[in-house]
Amino acid sequence: MNSLPKTDSISELATFWDTHDLTDFEGELEEVSEPVFVRPADLTVRLAPADALALQRLACKRRVSEAELVSQWVHECIRAG
């Protein structure tokens, strides 16, 4: 019998559980109280069309997504306190 995978990859875990049954691993299972997979919070920000275009151009120039650029700015502002 195989042992439980030791990975954080949701894709790898999905593949594993597609071919295995949970009841085969009852002796290896343990209850956890904290969340195992924490998803990032989504936030919608409304921008004026000119600001959205400027953001798009700047993100393209820096070769990052608009969301990544805004996320970077938020992190910088939070650290600056």
C-alpha atoms as a PDB file:
ATOM      1  CA  MET A   1       0.000   0.000   0.000  1.00  0.00           C
ATOM      2  CA  ASN A   2       1.174   3.544  -0.742  1.00  0.00           C
ATOM      3  CA  SER A   3       1.588   6.138   1.963  1.00  0.00           C
ATOM      4  CA  LEU A   4      -0.109   9.526   2.054  1.00  0.00           C
ATOM      5  CA  PRO A   5       1.559  12.132  -0.175  1.00  0.00           C
ATOM      6  CA  LYS A   6       3.578  14.859   1.522  1.00  0.00           C
ATOM      7  CA  THR A   7       2.797  17.766  -0.787  1.00  0.00           C
ATOM      8  CA  ASP A   8       0.970  21.093  -0.735  1.00  0.00           C
ATOM      9  CA  SER A   9       0.115  20.822  -4.426  1.00  0.00           C
ATOM     10  CA  ILE A  10      -3.639  20.677  -4.848  1.00  0.00           C
ATOM     11  CA  SER A  11      -3.118  19.207  -8.315  1.00  0.00           C
ATOM     12  CA  GLU A  12      -0.923  16.380  -7.001  1.00  0.00           C
ATOM     13  CA  LEU A  13      -3.323  15.672  -4.146  1.00  0.00           C
ATOM     14  CA  ALA A  14      -6.289  15.574  -6.538  1.00  0.00           C
ATOM     15  CA  THR A  15      -4.461  13.109  -8.769  1.00  0.00           C
ATOM     16  CA  PHE A  16      -3.596  10.940  -5.766  1.00  0.00           C
ATOM     17  CA  TRP A  17      -7.155  10.856  -4.403  1.00  0.00           C
ATOM     18  CA  ASP A  18      -8.564  10.111  -7.859  1.00  0.00           C
ATOM     19  CA  THR A  19      -6.820   6.742  -7.641  1.00  0.00           C
ATOM     20  CA  HIS A  20      -6.940   5.985  -3.895  1.00  0.00           C
ATOM     21  CA  ASP A  21      -9.600   5.483  -1.225  1.00  0.00           C
ATOM     22  CA  LEU A  22      -9.531   7.390   2.067  1.00  0.00           C
ATOM     23  CA  THR A  23     -10.504   4.313   4.057  1.00  0.00           C
ATOM     24  CA  ASP A  24      -7.193   2.682   3.080  1.00  0.00           C
ATOM     25  CA  PHE A  25      -5.352   5.325   5.147  1.00  0.00           C
ATOM     26  CA  GLU A  26      -7.473   5.578   8.301  1.00  0.00           C
ATOM     27  CA  GLY A  27      -4.493   4.722  10.507  1.00  0.00           C
ATOM     28  CA  GLU A  28      -2.435   7.614   9.077  1.00  0.00           C
ATOM     29  CA  LEU A  29      -5.071  10.343   9.336  1.00  0.00           C
ATOM     30  CA  GLU A  30      -4.964  13.027  11.992  1.00  0.00           C
ATOM     31  CA  GLU A  31      -7.412  15.784  12.792  1.00  0.00           C
ATOM     32  CA  VAL A  32      -6.204  19.366  12.368  1.00  0.00           C
ATOM     33  CA  SER A  33      -7.843  22.462  13.817  1.00  0.00           C
ATOM     34  CA  GLU A  34      -6.392  25.124  11.509  1.00  0.00           C
ATOM     35  CA  PRO A  35      -7.243  25.557   7.818  1.00  0.00           C
ATOM     36  CA  VAL A  36      -5.074  23.449   5.520  1.00  0.00           C
ATOM     37  CA  PHE A  37      -5.561  25.462   2.337  1.00  0.00           C
ATOM     38  CA  VAL A  38      -5.852  29.205   2.820  1.00  0.00           C
ATOM     39  CA  ARG A  39      -6.898  31.068  -0.280  1.00  0.00           C
ATOM     40  CA  PRO A  40      -5.944  34.702  -0.791  1.00  0.00           C
ATOM     41  CA  ALA A  41      -8.706  37.240  -0.301  1.00  0.00           C
ATOM     42  CA  ASP A  42     -10.148  38.805  -3.421  1.00  0.00           C
ATOM     43  CA  LEU A  43     -10.916  42.492  -3.508  1.00  0.00           C
ATOM     44  CA  THR A  44     -12.628  44.487  -6.212  1.00  0.00           C
ATOM     45  CA  VAL A  45     -11.293  47.988  -6.798  1.00  0.00           C
ATOM     46  CA  ARG A  46     -13.226  50.359  -9.023  1.00  0.00           C
ATOM     47  CA  LEU A  47     -11.087  52.714 -11.070  1.00  0.00           C
ATOM     48  CA  ALA A  48     -11.857  55.542 -13.422  1.00  0.00           C
ATOM     49  CA  PRO A  49     -11.317  54.446 -17.036  1.00  0.00           C
ATOM     50  CA  ALA A  50      -8.215  56.648 -17.372  1.00  0.00           C
ATOM     51  CA  ASP A  51      -6.713  55.174 -14.186  1.00  0.00           C
ATOM     52  CA  ALA A  52      -7.479  51.622 -15.319  1.00  0.00           C
ATOM     53  CA  LEU A  53      -5.767  52.294 -18.641  1.00  0.00           C
ATOM     54  CA  ALA A  54      -2.745  53.825 -16.909  1.00  0.00           C
ATOM     55  CA  LEU A  55      -2.545  50.809 -14.594  1.00  0.00           C
ATOM     56  CA  GLN A  56      -2.776  48.431 -17.552  1.00  0.00           C
ATOM     57  CA  ARG A  57       0.012  50.230 -19.393  1.00  0.00           C
ATOM     58  CA  LEU A  58       2.281  50.370 -16.346  1.00  0.00           C
ATOM     59  CA  ALA A  59       1.718  46.681 -15.562  1.00  0.00           C
ATOM     60  CA  CYS A  60       2.476  45.779 -19.180  1.00  0.00           C
ATOM     61  CA  LYS A  61       5.648  47.880 -19.081  1.00  0.00           C
ATOM     62  CA  ARG A  62       6.767  46.073 -15.892  1.00  0.00           C
ATOM     63  CA  ARG A  63       5.687  42.701 -17.324  1.00  0.00           C
ATOM     64  CA  VAL A  64       3.375  41.831 -14.446  1.00  0.00           C
ATOM     65  CA  SER A  65      -0.377  41.503 -14.215  1.00  0.00           C
ATOM     66  CA  GLU A  66      -2.448  44.453 -13.093  1.00  0.00           C
ATOM     67  CA  ALA A  67      -3.446  42.510  -9.980  1.00  0.00           C
ATOM     68  CA  GLU A  68       0.194  41.768  -9.121  1.00  0.00           C
ATOM     69  CA  LEU A  69       1.160  45.420  -9.514  1.00  0.00           C
ATOM     70  CA  VAL A  70      -1.672  46.612  -7.278  1.00  0.00           C
ATOM     71  CA  SER A  71      -0.778  43.902  -4.755  1.00  0.00           C
ATOM     72  CA  GLN A  72       2.842  45.113  -4.725  1.00  0.00           C
ATOM     73  CA  TRP A  73       1.703  48.686  -4.092  1.00  0.00           C
ATOM     74  CA  VAL A  74      -0.566  47.591  -1.228  1.00  0.00           C
ATOM     75  CA  HIS A  75       2.296  45.624   0.386  1.00  0.00           C
ATOM     76  CA  GLU A  76       4.594  48.643   0.095  1.00  0.00           C
ATOM     77  CA  CYS A  77       2.005  50.955   1.668  1.00  0.00           C
ATOM     78  CA  ILE A  78       1.328  48.534   4.519  1.00  0.00           C
ATOM     79  CA  ARG A  79       5.048  48.126   5.272  1.00  0.00           C
ATOM     80  CA  ALA A  80       5.531  51.896   5.174  1.00  0.00           C
ATOM     81  CA  GLY A  81       2.764  52.091   7.787  1.00  0.00           C
END
